[in-house]
Protein backbone atom coordinates (compact mmCIF):
# COMPACT_ATOMS: atom_id res chain seq x y z
CA MET A 1 -63.24 -38.51 -32.92
CA ASP A 2 -60.01 -40.22 -32.90
CA ALA A 3 -57.14 -39.60 -30.46
CA ALA A 4 -55.11 -37.45 -32.87
CA LEU A 5 -57.96 -35.05 -33.38
CA VAL A 6 -58.58 -34.75 -29.58
CA THR A 7 -54.84 -34.20 -29.02
CA ALA A 8 -54.79 -31.50 -31.71
CA ILE A 9 -57.86 -29.72 -30.28
CA ALA A 10 -56.40 -29.98 -26.73
CA GLY A 11 -53.08 -28.51 -28.05
CA LEU A 12 -54.99 -25.54 -29.63
CA ILE A 13 -57.02 -24.94 -26.48
CA GLY A 14 -53.87 -25.17 -24.38
CA GLY A 15 -52.10 -22.68 -26.61
CA LEU A 16 -54.97 -20.22 -26.34
CA VAL A 17 -55.07 -20.58 -22.55
CA ALA A 18 -51.30 -20.06 -22.44
CA ALA A 19 -51.57 -16.96 -24.61
CA ALA A 20 -54.42 -15.58 -22.46
CA ALA A 21 -52.38 -16.22 -19.30
CA ALA A 22 -49.39 -14.52 -20.76
CA MET A 23 -51.41 -11.50 -21.73
CA TYR A 24 -52.94 -11.34 -18.26
CA GLY A 25 -49.56 -11.74 -16.66
CA THR A 26 -48.14 -8.91 -18.79
CA ARG A 27 -51.01 -6.66 -17.92
CA ALA A 28 -50.66 -7.44 -14.25
CA SER A 29 -46.92 -6.84 -14.39
CA SER A 30 -47.25 -3.46 -16.11
CA ARG A 31 -49.97 -2.43 -13.67
CA ALA A 32 -47.70 -3.30 -10.76
CA THR A 33 -44.89 -1.41 -12.35
CA ARG A 34 -47.10 1.67 -12.82
CA GLU A 35 -48.26 1.45 -9.22
CA GLY A 36 -44.71 1.02 -8.07
CA ASN A 37 -43.64 4.10 -10.03
CA ALA A 38 -46.55 6.08 -8.59
CA LEU A 39 -45.57 5.16 -5.06
CA THR A 40 -41.88 5.94 -5.75
CA GLY A 41 -42.92 9.34 -7.23
CA TYR A 42 -45.13 9.96 -4.18
CA ASP A 43 -42.33 9.14 -1.81
CA ASN A 44 -39.88 11.36 -3.73
CA LEU A 45 -42.37 14.30 -3.58
CA THR A 46 -42.97 13.75 0.08
CA ASN A 47 -39.26 13.72 0.82
CA GLN A 48 -38.79 16.89 -1.24
CA LEU A 49 -41.61 18.67 0.59
CA GLN A 50 -40.17 17.62 4.04
CA GLU A 51 -36.72 18.99 3.03
CA GLU A 52 -38.26 22.28 1.83
CA ARG A 53 -40.32 22.53 5.02
CA GLN A 54 -37.18 22.06 7.14
CA GLU A 55 -35.37 24.68 5.10
CA MET A 56 -38.27 27.07 5.62
CA ARG A 57 -38.26 26.45 9.30
CA GLU A 58 -34.56 27.23 9.51
CA GLU A 59 -35.04 30.42 7.50
CA LEU A 60 -37.94 31.42 9.75
CA ARG A 61 -35.83 30.82 12.82
CA THR A 62 -33.07 33.00 11.38
CA LEU A 63 -35.44 35.82 10.46
CA ARG A 64 -36.90 35.72 13.98
CA HIS A 65 -33.50 36.11 15.49
CA GLU A 66 -32.74 39.01 13.14
CA LEU A 67 -36.05 40.66 13.99
CA ALA A 68 -35.44 40.24 17.73
CA ALA A 69 -31.96 41.81 17.34
CA GLU A 70 -33.32 44.77 15.36
CA ARG A 71 -36.06 45.33 17.98
CA MET A 72 -33.46 45.34 20.75
CA GLU A 73 -31.38 47.80 18.74
CA THR A 74 -34.43 50.03 18.12
CA SER A 75 -35.25 49.89 21.81
CA ARG A 76 -31.65 50.81 22.71
CA LEU A 77 -31.72 53.73 20.27
CA LYS A 78 -35.00 55.02 21.72
CA GLN A 79 -33.46 54.93 25.20
CA VAL A 80 -30.47 56.84 23.94
CA VAL A 81 -32.78 59.50 22.45
CA LYS A 82 -34.66 59.71 25.76
CA ASP A 83 -31.47 60.02 27.68
CA MET A 84 -30.44 62.94 25.48
CA GLY A 85 -33.69 64.71 26.26
CA GLY A 86 -35.53 63.96 22.99
CA THR A 87 -38.74 62.15 22.28
CA PRO A 88 -38.56 58.98 20.20
């Protein structure tokens, strides 16, 4: 084999190795992008759930206050009925 043939073969092998490396790099990059998108989506869903949970806690707090107020009003009205001589 002469030097020109060895150089040509080395060039072909180098080109194949470069192509394989580029394909692997592209796959790794796309996998990293997918994983990044999955994590971002997970974070977004987690944030949304936490916001909804906070809203539900506030609504529950409001409803508990309303229930307590209505129970006090009911108790007051029962006492008024008793004071008037009736039975609640």
